[in-house]
Amino acid sequence: MKHIILFLLIIVFIAVQVSVMPGCANIIPPSGGPRDTIPPVLLKSTPPDSTRNFTGKHISMTFDEYIDVQNPRESMIVSPVVKNFPDISFRLNTLSIRLRDSLEPNTTYSLNFGNALRDYNEGNILKNFTYIFSTGNRIDSLGLQGKVILAETGKIDSTLIVALYKNDADTAVIKERPRYIARLDGKGQFSFKNLPAGTFYLYAYKDGGGSLRFTDTTQLFAFADQPVVTNQKNEPFTLYAFARKKAEAVKAPAGLTIRKPLGGTDKRLRFQSNIVDKKMDLLSPLILTFEIPLRSYDSAKVIFSSDSTFTYINNYHFQEDSTGKQLELNYPWKENTVYHLILDKDFAEDTTGKKLLRTDTITFTTKRPEDYGKLSIRFRNLDMTKNPVLIFIQNDAIKGSFPLNSPDFLQNLFQPGEYELSILEDTNKNGKWDPGDFFGKRKQPEIVHPVNRKINVKPGFENEFEIEAPSGISRVGG
């Protein structure tokens, strides 16, 4: 017994010494291991996936971990499209689905959860999880793939839906819900699966508030030229989306000089100009943009002069646009020259009766040639039979369009900056992009091909580039 007590005392003494020793390591509880990155795994479904001769209304699924279902109405796709969306509920690791529609006979149905289904703790998404069943004795297995491109820019809008209709009437996309729908991925690609054999009509459009109908003809829309017959040999489809322009007021470009009203009341005719920092672009007309359309204007009450001597200029002219909100002063500018535009207080009146409160003078200086760059671009293998138009883009806005008569583009004075390039197939040779016209005409839009290269035009330099033409507008075998 004495030996046992002595041994215990030694153990206690050692423990006390260890606890008070300097530099001892802190005791750290074991970590939880690496973060879970695996989405839920389906363990069991009742009825089983790919069930044939399905007759029930309820589907139950069990996963290997607790689950969460987010925004099923926005994320899920039920095919064929149903009138009443299924009731979706979940608890712990079990997902329950109650079908609310009467099911069609001999039809394959699929429930694609998109990004809705994920694990509860980490939010790992079980992407495009799909449950399939058939009310007949076979599962349809045909498919259809393709891509949707914005015709005007060559870019992608992944918010569009792609729809298959059985009705061949043009108005079906407005009056009816589609038979099948698919969503676009980040590359603008779509895929239909488990389709039956048959003839369909293929469209892409903005979903109007979840109605699955094309409700606004000024929104993006695309259509296939011919009916789509589903079979095992379908090649991928490319649809070109376009939007018809709204009849809206002309917006003044960014950076305009704003002529504010005098005093604290808003009784003065308000307008803006495209003069930036009192400098005028040699390559553009002087543009006055009015807040409210003009009722009338009198060019005789405008004085245009140059230099410090206010030398009168007569060989210029004003041009009013169709909205009545813009006046253009066209004149062959001289470089690095001071100009004065004197507007009499009665020179113009808008539709609300507003005029200038007093005579207004706009003074500006034109830029110098050194403020611009010389630009030379040679396109390799450009197909000139497609009437190419070279388009310059900054911040998604078109800064210039130039019909090409040869693969070489040359401008001695070009506005400096970084540009994206694209090339338009100008079918009607009017020098600009034209949208399509579907209803009654089924006319496709003109197509713009992005150039896979940006250019940076530097002022005071000879900027030379040699660029391969985009594949869609290059010579065959070039």
Protein backbone atom coordinates (compact mmCIF):
# COMPACT_ATOMS: atom_id res chain seq x y z
CA MET A 1 0.00 0.00 0.00
CA LYS A 2 2.87 2.42 0.84
CA HIS A 3 4.41 1.78 -2.57
CA ILE A 4 1.12 2.56 -4.29
CA ILE A 5 0.67 5.83 -2.37
CA LEU A 6 4.27 6.83 -3.14
CA PHE A 7 3.76 6.12 -6.83
CA LEU A 8 0.62 8.25 -6.94
CA LEU A 9 2.39 11.13 -5.21
CA ILE A 10 5.19 11.00 -7.78
CA ILE A 11 2.67 11.10 -10.62
CA VAL A 12 0.90 14.13 -9.09
CA PHE A 13 4.26 15.91 -8.56
CA ILE A 14 5.30 15.34 -12.18
CA ALA A 15 1.92 16.58 -13.45
CA VAL A 16 2.20 19.79 -11.41
CA GLN A 17 5.74 20.43 -12.67
CA VAL A 18 4.76 19.93 -16.27
CA SER A 19 1.81 22.31 -15.93
CA VAL A 20 3.99 25.15 -14.64
CA MET A 21 6.95 24.67 -16.98
CA PRO A 22 7.55 27.70 -19.24
CA GLY A 23 7.09 27.29 -22.99
CA CYS A 24 4.72 24.36 -22.75
CA ALA A 25 2.53 23.88 -25.78
CA ASN A 26 -1.17 24.76 -25.59
CA ILE A 27 -3.55 21.89 -25.83
CA ILE A 28 -5.52 22.31 -29.10
CA PRO A 29 -8.61 20.28 -29.79
CA PRO A 30 -8.45 18.24 -32.99
CA SER A 31 -9.70 20.05 -36.10
CA GLY A 32 -12.74 18.93 -38.06
CA GLY A 33 -10.64 17.93 -41.05
CA PRO A 34 -10.84 19.39 -44.57
CA ARG A 35 -13.95 21.28 -45.66
CA ASP A 36 -16.71 19.17 -47.20
CA THR A 37 -16.84 19.86 -50.95
CA ILE A 38 -18.95 16.88 -52.01
CA PRO A 39 -22.62 17.48 -52.89
CA PRO A 40 -25.35 15.18 -51.60
CA VAL A 41 -25.55 11.65 -52.97
CA LEU A 42 -28.90 10.00 -53.71
CA LEU A 43 -29.29 6.78 -51.73
CA LYS A 44 -32.82 5.81 -52.64
CA SER A 45 -35.87 7.10 -54.53
CA THR A 46 -39.45 5.84 -54.40
CA PRO A 47 -40.48 5.09 -57.10
CA PRO A 48 -36.99 4.42 -58.51
CA ASP A 49 -35.50 6.72 -61.14
CA SER A 50 -36.49 5.84 -64.75
CA THR A 51 -39.65 4.10 -63.60
CA ARG A 52 -41.96 3.06 -66.43
CA ASN A 53 -45.78 2.95 -66.33
CA PHE A 54 -45.71 5.57 -63.57
CA THR A 55 -49.18 6.21 -62.08
CA GLY A 56 -48.57 7.92 -58.74
CA LYS A 57 -48.51 11.51 -57.47
CA HIS A 58 -45.74 11.35 -54.86
CA ILE A 59 -41.98 10.90 -55.20
CA SER A 60 -39.64 10.51 -52.23
CA MET A 61 -35.83 10.71 -52.28
CA THR A 62 -33.31 9.97 -49.54
CA PHE A 63 -29.78 11.41 -49.59
CA ASP A 64 -26.62 10.63 -47.63
CA GLU A 65 -26.74 13.97 -45.73
CA TYR A 66 -29.08 16.77 -44.72
CA ILE A 67 -30.27 18.77 -47.75
CA ASP A 68 -31.56 22.21 -48.66
CA VAL A 69 -33.66 23.19 -51.68
CA GLN A 70 -33.47 26.86 -52.70
CA ASN A 71 -35.83 28.67 -55.08
CA PRO A 72 -37.19 25.55 -56.81
CA ARG A 73 -39.66 27.52 -58.95
CA GLU A 74 -36.83 29.61 -60.43
CA SER A 75 -34.26 26.81 -60.72
CA MET A 76 -36.21 23.68 -61.62
CA ILE A 77 -37.36 22.64 -65.08
CA VAL A 78 -40.22 20.18 -65.39
CA SER A 79 -40.48 18.62 -68.85
CA PRO A 80 -42.88 18.58 -70.55
CA VAL A 81 -43.95 21.95 -69.14
CA VAL A 82 -46.76 21.52 -66.60
CA LYS A 83 -49.59 23.90 -65.78
CA ASN A 84 -49.20 23.57 -62.01
CA PHE A 85 -45.69 23.43 -60.55
CA PRO A 86 -45.13 20.45 -58.18
CA ASP A 87 -45.09 20.94 -54.42
CA ILE A 88 -41.51 20.55 -53.18
CA SER A 89 -40.71 19.92 -49.51
CA PHE A 90 -37.71 18.57 -47.59
CA ARG A 91 -36.83 17.52 -44.07
CA LEU A 92 -33.41 16.37 -42.87
CA ASN A 93 -32.10 14.15 -45.69
CA THR A 94 -35.45 13.48 -47.39
CA LEU A 95 -36.91 15.27 -50.41
CA SER A 96 -40.63 14.98 -51.18
CA ILE A 97 -42.33 15.88 -54.45
CA ARG A 98 -46.11 16.01 -54.97
CA LEU A 99 -47.27 16.22 -58.58
CA ARG A 100 -50.28 18.48 -59.01
CA ASP A 101 -51.06 17.95 -62.71
CA SER A 102 -52.76 15.05 -64.39
CA LEU A 103 -50.06 13.18 -66.27
CA GLU A 104 -50.29 12.54 -70.00
CA PRO A 105 -50.26 8.92 -71.18
CA ASN A 106 -47.13 7.43 -72.80
CA THR A 107 -45.04 10.47 -71.93
CA THR A 108 -41.53 10.74 -70.52
CA TYR A 109 -41.23 13.34 -67.72
CA SER A 110 -38.05 14.80 -66.26
CA LEU A 111 -37.51 16.95 -63.18
CA ASN A 112 -34.24 18.88 -63.46
CA PHE A 113 -33.36 20.69 -60.22
CA GLY A 114 -30.76 23.00 -61.80
CA ASN A 115 -28.86 24.61 -58.89
CA ALA A 116 -31.68 24.24 -56.35
CA LEU A 117 -30.52 21.08 -54.54
CA ARG A 118 -27.53 21.34 -52.16
CA ASP A 119 -26.25 20.03 -48.85
CA TYR A 120 -27.46 21.82 -45.71
CA ASN A 121 -24.13 22.58 -44.01
CA GLU A 122 -21.74 23.66 -46.79
CA GLY A 123 -24.14 24.50 -49.60
CA ASN A 124 -22.46 22.16 -52.12
CA ILE A 125 -24.75 22.12 -55.17
CA LEU A 126 -25.86 18.89 -56.79
CA LYS A 127 -25.90 20.48 -60.26
CA ASN A 128 -28.64 19.53 -62.71
CA PHE A 129 -29.83 16.61 -60.63
CA THR A 130 -32.56 15.00 -62.75
CA TYR A 131 -35.27 12.45 -61.94
CA ILE A 132 -36.98 10.73 -64.88
CA PHE A 133 -40.12 8.62 -65.19
CA SER A 134 -42.52 7.57 -67.94
CA THR A 135 -46.26 7.02 -67.94
CA GLY A 136 -45.72 4.54 -70.76
CA ASN A 137 -43.58 1.45 -71.21
CA ARG A 138 -40.52 3.28 -72.61
CA ILE A 139 -38.23 6.20 -71.76
CA ASP A 140 -37.75 8.73 -74.58
CA SER A 141 -34.04 9.29 -75.21
CA LEU A 142 -33.69 11.77 -78.08
CA GLY A 143 -31.81 15.03 -77.56
CA LEU A 144 -31.22 18.46 -79.06
CA GLN A 145 -28.27 20.79 -78.47
CA GLY A 146 -27.21 24.21 -79.63
CA LYS A 147 -26.13 27.73 -78.81
CA VAL A 148 -27.72 31.19 -78.69
CA ILE A 149 -25.64 34.21 -79.75
CA LEU A 150 -26.62 37.88 -79.67
CA ALA A 151 -26.69 38.85 -83.34
CA GLU A 152 -25.75 42.52 -82.77
CA THR A 153 -22.65 41.87 -80.64
CA GLY A 154 -21.73 38.20 -80.95
CA LYS A 155 -21.90 37.92 -77.15
CA ILE A 156 -23.97 35.77 -74.78
CA ASP A 157 -27.02 36.46 -72.61
CA SER A 158 -27.51 33.46 -70.32
CA THR A 159 -30.84 34.80 -68.99
CA LEU A 160 -32.67 33.67 -72.14
CA ILE A 161 -34.68 30.47 -72.20
CA VAL A 162 -34.88 28.13 -75.18
CA ALA A 163 -38.30 26.72 -76.01
CA LEU A 164 -39.75 23.96 -78.18
CA TYR A 165 -43.34 24.34 -79.45
CA LYS A 166 -45.59 21.91 -81.28
CA ASN A 167 -47.78 24.68 -82.74
CA ASP A 168 -46.29 26.16 -85.93
CA ALA A 169 -48.22 29.47 -85.72
CA ASP A 170 -46.03 32.57 -85.24
CA THR A 171 -48.27 33.77 -82.43
CA ALA A 172 -47.79 30.57 -80.40
CA VAL A 173 -44.81 32.09 -78.57
CA ILE A 174 -47.11 34.86 -77.31
CA LYS A 175 -50.32 32.95 -76.65
CA GLU A 176 -49.10 29.53 -75.48
CA ARG A 177 -46.65 27.93 -73.09
CA PRO A 178 -43.96 25.83 -74.78
CA ARG A 179 -43.87 22.05 -74.72
CA TYR A 180 -40.23 21.91 -73.50
CA ILE A 181 -37.79 24.50 -72.19
CA ALA A 182 -34.04 24.63 -71.52
CA ARG A 183 -31.77 27.23 -69.97
CA LEU A 184 -28.48 28.55 -71.29
CA ASP A 185 -25.18 27.95 -69.53
CA GLY A 186 -22.42 30.56 -69.23
CA LYS A 187 -21.28 29.80 -72.78
CA GLY A 188 -24.73 30.31 -74.28
CA GLN A 189 -25.24 26.58 -74.83
CA PHE A 190 -28.47 24.64 -74.32
CA SER A 191 -29.40 20.97 -74.23
CA PHE A 192 -32.71 19.11 -74.39
CA LYS A 193 -32.79 15.49 -73.26
CA ASN A 194 -35.41 12.72 -73.14
CA LEU A 195 -37.33 14.14 -76.07
CA PRO A 196 -39.80 12.06 -78.10
CA ALA A 197 -39.61 11.72 -81.86
CA GLY A 198 -41.51 14.53 -83.55
CA THR A 199 -41.51 17.94 -85.21
CA PHE A 200 -40.94 21.05 -83.10
CA TYR A 201 -40.43 24.80 -83.55
CA LEU A 202 -37.38 26.21 -81.80
CA TYR A 203 -37.16 29.68 -80.19
CA ALA A 204 -35.20 31.60 -77.57
CA TYR A 205 -36.50 34.61 -75.67
CA LYS A 206 -36.72 36.48 -72.39
CA ASP A 207 -39.21 34.81 -70.05
CA GLY A 208 -41.81 37.46 -69.24
CA GLY A 209 -42.17 37.30 -65.46
CA GLY A 210 -42.16 33.50 -65.28
CA SER A 211 -45.03 33.12 -67.76
CA LEU A 212 -42.85 31.12 -70.21
CA ARG A 213 -44.20 33.33 -72.99
CA PHE A 214 -42.66 35.99 -75.22
CA THR A 215 -44.47 39.03 -73.84
CA ASP A 216 -42.37 42.01 -75.03
CA THR A 217 -41.43 42.34 -78.69
CA THR A 218 -38.65 44.80 -77.80
CA GLN A 219 -36.89 42.06 -75.80
CA LEU A 220 -34.36 39.58 -77.16
CA PHE A 221 -35.79 36.88 -79.42
CA ALA A 222 -34.38 34.17 -81.71
CA PHE A 223 -35.89 31.54 -83.97
CA ALA A 224 -34.82 28.60 -86.10
CA ASP A 225 -35.46 28.98 -89.83
CA GLN A 226 -36.87 25.48 -90.23
CA PRO A 227 -38.92 23.09 -88.10
CA VAL A 228 -36.81 20.80 -85.92
CA VAL A 229 -37.32 17.07 -86.40
CA THR A 230 -35.90 15.14 -83.47
CA ASN A 231 -33.85 12.11 -84.42
CA GLN A 232 -30.51 10.55 -83.63
CA LYS A 233 -28.64 12.71 -86.19
CA ASN A 234 -29.50 16.26 -85.10
CA GLU A 235 -26.58 18.64 -85.58
CA PRO A 236 -26.20 21.45 -82.99
CA PHE A 237 -28.33 24.52 -83.76
CA THR A 238 -27.15 28.13 -83.58
CA LEU A 239 -29.79 30.77 -82.92
CA TYR A 240 -29.14 34.50 -83.34
CA ALA A 241 -31.06 36.66 -80.87
CA PHE A 242 -32.10 40.21 -81.68
CA ALA A 243 -34.26 42.91 -80.15
CA ARG A 244 -36.30 45.51 -81.93
CA LYS A 245 -35.46 49.02 -80.74
CA LYS A 246 -37.84 50.89 -78.50
CA ALA A 247 -39.03 54.31 -79.65
CA GLU A 248 -37.29 56.12 -76.84
CA ALA A 249 -35.75 59.52 -76.31
CA VAL A 250 -32.23 60.05 -77.58
CA LYS A 251 -29.74 59.97 -74.72
CA ALA A 252 -26.80 62.33 -74.71
CA PRO A 253 -23.36 60.68 -74.75
CA ALA A 254 -21.33 60.57 -71.53
CA GLY A 255 -19.07 63.53 -70.84
CA LEU A 256 -21.28 66.18 -72.42
CA THR A 257 -21.10 69.80 -71.29
CA ILE A 258 -24.36 70.54 -69.44
CA ARG A 259 -25.92 73.99 -69.82
CA LYS A 260 -27.66 74.44 -66.46
CA PRO A 261 -30.52 76.90 -65.87
CA LEU A 262 -29.74 80.27 -64.33
CA GLY A 263 -31.05 81.02 -60.86
CA GLY A 264 -33.14 78.73 -58.69
CA THR A 265 -36.09 78.21 -61.06
CA ASP A 266 -36.39 75.72 -63.91
CA LYS A 267 -37.77 78.00 -66.60
CA ARG A 268 -34.88 77.87 -69.03
CA LEU A 269 -34.52 75.76 -72.13
CA ARG A 270 -32.17 72.97 -71.06
CA PHE A 271 -29.66 71.28 -73.36
CA GLN A 272 -26.28 69.56 -73.47
CA SER A 273 -23.44 69.55 -75.97
CA ASN A 274 -20.82 66.98 -76.94
CA ILE A 275 -17.96 69.37 -76.12
CA VAL A 276 -15.72 67.83 -73.46
CA ASP A 277 -13.48 70.09 -71.37
CA LYS A 278 -14.03 72.87 -73.94
CA LYS A 279 -12.45 70.67 -76.63
CA MET A 280 -14.23 69.70 -79.84
CA ASP A 281 -13.56 66.49 -81.73
CA LEU A 282 -12.36 67.17 -85.29
CA LEU A 283 -14.17 64.04 -86.49
CA SER A 284 -17.68 64.82 -85.17
CA PRO A 285 -20.37 67.44 -85.68
CA LEU A 286 -21.32 69.70 -82.79
CA ILE A 287 -24.43 68.16 -81.21
CA LEU A 288 -26.93 69.99 -79.01
CA THR A 289 -29.20 67.56 -77.14
CA PHE A 290 -32.35 69.05 -75.57
CA GLU A 291 -34.10 67.76 -72.49
CA ILE A 292 -37.55 68.25 -74.06
CA PRO A 293 -38.31 68.04 -77.83
CA LEU A 294 -38.23 71.34 -79.70
CA ARG A 295 -41.35 72.95 -81.04
CA SER A 296 -39.32 75.24 -83.27
CA TYR A 297 -35.88 76.70 -83.87
CA ASP A 298 -34.56 79.55 -86.02
CA SER A 299 -31.02 79.16 -87.35
CA ALA A 300 -31.07 82.86 -88.34
CA LYS A 301 -30.87 83.65 -84.64
CA VAL A 302 -27.59 81.76 -84.29
CA ILE A 303 -24.18 83.34 -84.86
CA PHE A 304 -21.23 81.06 -85.59
CA SER A 305 -17.75 82.61 -85.56
CA SER A 306 -14.10 81.78 -85.09
CA ASP A 307 -10.91 83.11 -83.50
CA SER A 308 -10.60 86.01 -81.07
CA THR A 309 -11.83 88.37 -83.78
CA PHE A 310 -15.25 86.62 -83.90
CA THR A 311 -15.01 86.17 -87.67
CA TYR A 312 -18.45 85.19 -88.99
CA ILE A 313 -18.82 81.72 -90.57
CA ASN A 314 -21.56 81.08 -93.11
CA ASN A 315 -20.79 77.70 -94.69
CA TYR A 316 -22.34 75.57 -91.95
CA HIS A 317 -25.80 74.08 -91.50
CA PHE A 318 -28.02 72.78 -88.73
CA GLN A 319 -29.79 69.44 -88.98
CA GLU A 320 -32.62 68.32 -86.67
CA ASP A 321 -33.11 64.64 -85.84
CA SER A 322 -36.47 62.83 -86.02
CA THR A 323 -37.16 63.10 -82.27
CA GLY A 324 -36.82 66.87 -82.18
CA LYS A 325 -34.33 66.54 -79.35
CA GLN A 326 -31.07 66.97 -81.23
CA LEU A 327 -29.56 69.65 -83.45
CA GLU A 328 -26.34 68.93 -85.35
CA LEU A 329 -24.04 71.69 -86.52
CA ASN A 330 -22.00 70.35 -89.42
CA TYR A 331 -18.84 72.19 -90.40
CA PRO A 332 -15.35 71.22 -91.70
CA TRP A 333 -13.40 71.98 -88.52
CA LYS A 334 -9.93 73.49 -88.62
CA GLU A 335 -7.45 72.06 -86.19
CA ASN A 336 -6.58 73.87 -82.94
CA THR A 337 -9.01 76.72 -83.67
CA VAL A 338 -11.26 78.68 -81.33
CA TYR A 339 -14.97 78.80 -82.26
CA HIS A 340 -17.94 80.63 -80.77
CA LEU A 341 -21.57 79.59 -81.04
CA ILE A 342 -23.85 82.47 -79.97
CA LEU A 343 -27.47 81.45 -79.34
CA ASP A 344 -30.04 84.21 -79.18
CA LYS A 345 -32.52 83.81 -76.31
CA ASP A 346 -35.30 83.28 -78.88
CA PHE A 347 -33.40 80.89 -81.15
CA ALA A 348 -35.42 77.86 -80.00
CA GLU A 349 -38.53 76.89 -78.02
CA ASP A 350 -39.38 73.45 -76.65
CA THR A 351 -42.86 71.89 -76.57
CA THR A 352 -43.48 73.26 -73.05
CA GLY A 353 -42.77 76.82 -74.19
CA LYS A 354 -39.35 77.14 -72.57
CA LYS A 355 -36.69 79.37 -74.12
CA LEU A 356 -33.28 80.61 -73.07
CA LEU A 357 -33.45 83.28 -70.39
CA ARG A 358 -30.76 85.27 -72.16
CA THR A 359 -28.30 84.99 -75.03
CA ASP A 360 -25.92 82.06 -74.47
CA THR A 361 -22.40 81.72 -75.88
CA ILE A 362 -20.57 78.39 -76.25
CA THR A 363 -16.83 78.78 -76.80
CA PHE A 364 -14.58 75.84 -77.59
CA THR A 365 -11.30 74.89 -79.25
CA THR A 366 -10.88 72.08 -81.75
CA LYS A 367 -8.32 69.39 -81.10
CA ARG A 368 -4.91 69.08 -82.79
CA PRO A 369 -3.83 66.25 -85.10
CA GLU A 370 -1.35 65.16 -82.41
CA ASP A 371 -4.34 64.37 -80.19
CA TYR A 372 -5.20 61.49 -82.55
CA GLY A 373 -3.47 58.35 -83.70
CA LYS A 374 -3.01 57.05 -87.22
CA LEU A 375 -4.68 53.63 -87.49
CA SER A 376 -3.95 50.89 -90.03
CA ILE A 377 -5.55 47.41 -89.84
CA ARG A 378 -5.07 44.59 -92.33
CA PHE A 379 -7.47 41.63 -92.06
CA ARG A 380 -6.22 38.25 -93.24
CA ASN A 381 -8.66 36.00 -95.13
CA LEU A 382 -11.61 38.41 -94.91
CA ASP A 383 -14.55 37.37 -97.12
CA MET A 384 -15.39 40.56 -99.01
CA THR A 385 -18.52 38.99 -100.59
CA LYS A 386 -20.28 39.37 -97.22
CA ASN A 387 -20.13 43.18 -97.34
CA PRO A 388 -18.11 43.49 -94.12
CA VAL A 389 -18.49 46.52 -91.86
CA LEU A 390 -15.78 47.10 -89.24
CA ILE A 391 -17.21 48.14 -85.86
CA PHE A 392 -15.28 49.75 -82.99
CA ILE A 393 -16.64 49.24 -79.46
CA GLN A 394 -15.85 50.81 -76.09
CA ASN A 395 -17.71 49.89 -72.88
CA ASP A 396 -20.33 48.00 -74.92
CA ALA A 397 -21.10 51.16 -76.95
CA ILE A 398 -20.43 51.43 -80.68
CA LYS A 399 -17.96 54.24 -81.35
CA GLY A 400 -17.69 53.88 -85.10
CA SER A 401 -18.80 51.75 -88.07
CA PHE A 402 -16.85 51.64 -91.34
CA PRO A 403 -17.87 49.66 -94.45
CA LEU A 404 -14.79 47.91 -95.87
CA ASN A 405 -14.03 47.95 -99.58
CA SER A 406 -10.87 45.91 -99.08
CA PRO A 407 -9.21 43.93 -96.27
CA ASP A 408 -7.26 47.08 -95.36
CA PHE A 409 -8.61 49.82 -93.07
CA LEU A 410 -6.77 53.15 -92.82
CA GLN A 411 -7.62 56.33 -90.88
CA ASN A 412 -5.10 59.15 -90.53
CA LEU A 413 -6.95 60.63 -87.56
CA PHE A 414 -8.48 58.18 -85.10
CA GLN A 415 -9.69 58.76 -81.56
CA PRO A 416 -7.17 57.23 -79.09
CA GLY A 417 -8.23 54.48 -76.71
CA GLU A 418 -8.70 50.75 -76.32
CA TYR A 419 -11.28 49.15 -78.58
CA GLU A 420 -13.00 45.84 -79.09
CA LEU A 421 -13.58 45.00 -82.75
CA SER A 422 -16.32 43.16 -84.57
CA ILE A 423 -17.30 42.70 -88.20
CA LEU A 424 -20.88 42.92 -89.48
CA GLU A 425 -22.24 40.92 -92.42
CA ASP A 426 -24.10 43.85 -93.99
CA THR A 427 -26.70 41.98 -96.05
CA ASN A 428 -28.57 45.06 -97.30
CA LYS A 429 -25.42 47.23 -97.66
CA ASN A 430 -26.74 50.11 -95.56
CA GLY A 431 -23.65 50.30 -93.35
CA LYS A 432 -25.38 49.40 -90.09
CA TRP A 433 -26.73 46.40 -88.21
CA ASP A 434 -30.39 45.55 -88.83
CA PRO A 435 -32.49 43.39 -86.49
CA GLY A 436 -34.67 40.54 -87.65
CA ASP A 437 -38.43 40.60 -88.19
CA PHE A 438 -40.16 37.39 -87.13
CA PHE A 439 -43.92 37.80 -87.11
CA GLY A 440 -45.25 37.24 -90.60
CA LYS A 441 -41.83 37.65 -92.25
CA ARG A 442 -39.43 35.29 -90.43
CA LYS A 443 -36.49 37.45 -91.41
CA GLN A 444 -33.25 36.69 -89.55
CA PRO A 445 -31.10 39.52 -88.15
CA GLU A 446 -27.80 40.52 -89.67
CA ILE A 447 -24.90 38.81 -87.91
CA VAL A 448 -21.97 40.44 -86.16
CA HIS A 449 -18.76 38.45 -85.62
CA PRO A 450 -16.53 39.51 -82.70
CA VAL A 451 -12.81 39.81 -83.44
CA ASN A 452 -10.85 37.89 -80.86
CA ARG A 453 -8.45 40.75 -80.21
CA LYS A 454 -8.48 44.24 -78.70
CA ILE A 455 -6.45 47.14 -80.08
CA ASN A 456 -5.03 50.17 -78.28
CA VAL A 457 -4.77 53.30 -80.41
CA LYS A 458 -2.10 55.66 -79.04
CA PRO A 459 -2.10 59.38 -79.84
CA GLY A 460 0.74 60.69 -82.00
CA PHE A 461 1.67 57.16 -83.21
CA GLU A 462 1.25 55.10 -86.34
CA ASN A 463 -0.81 52.21 -84.95
CA GLU A 464 -0.52 49.20 -87.26
CA PHE A 465 -2.25 45.83 -86.76
CA GLU A 466 -2.60 42.63 -88.77
CA ILE A 467 -5.58 40.55 -87.63
CA GLU A 468 -7.10 37.22 -88.70
CA ALA A 469 -10.71 37.57 -89.82
CA PRO A 470 -13.26 35.86 -87.53
CA SER A 471 -14.14 32.33 -88.60
CA GLY A 472 -17.74 33.22 -89.49
CA ILE A 473 -16.66 35.85 -92.03
CA SER A 474 -13.40 34.43 -93.35
CA ARG A 475 -12.80 33.00 -96.79
CA VAL A 476 -13.40 29.27 -97.08
CA GLY A 477 -10.01 27.64 -96.98
CA GLY A 478 -8.35 31.03 -96.37
